[in-house]
């Protein structure tokens, strides 16, 4: 019959949101460029770009959720979405590899930067570093606990326990918010500033981008929590939650490397704050 669907793929209809997303990204980054050059009107341009980008996220992701609820996410489509999520996480891994590469370059070859950091790492200008076994260790335990709670929520979902799914997600979201709060407190009381030298720049860029990923992951899980209350997930079809759990575990693993490399090894031998 003409127009009948005889395949497992979902052919997307024309949509305006990818175009709006591209325009929003260009607008927001243009605002940042204006800010970096101290040019006027940078905040309105940046604000419009961010506002339109957030609107794009909401409406575009709403369309994806609607497609899932209408049954368009067949097993074949879900498989390809998993491939896409794996490739996305792989790209995020390489993003952090760049920051770790820079950190090791600063730390292992300080003599090449003798005019900047005095030939040692941490630099002589750093009077004290963050004590890794105080707040950073606490945040490590918090993220490890959040990894167990999101796994518990996943197992509850697979076994049809919706109450356990909601409890696990609530705990994970609260632990993520607690982690972010502690990191903000840590930044506010850090004994060194951003941009002062290679140590400060590397520290804030690596841990700051990780903190941003924690914030994104927390929002991701809040959306999943909302969908859990709406009854969207089933034991056989819950890719949205699965993608959020994968992303959260990725955030956990990155933090473990940051804790060991940046906090413990990177400040070894320096005075603790």
Foldseek 3Di string as FASTA:
>chain_A
DPPDDDDLADDDDDDCLVVLLVVLVVQLVVLVVCVVVVHPPSVVSNVVSVVSNVVSVVVVVVVVLVCVLVPSCGVVNLVVVVVVLVVVLVVVVVVLVVLLVLLCCCAVAVCVVCVFQVSHFVRPVQQAFAQLPPLVVVLLVLLVVLLVLLVQLLVCQLVVNLVSVLVSLVSNLVSLVVSLVSVVVCQVPGSDADPSGSLNVSLCVNVVVLNVLSVVLSVLSVVVSVVSVVVSGHSVDDSSSVSSSVSSVSSSVSSVVCSVVNNPVRCPPHHHD
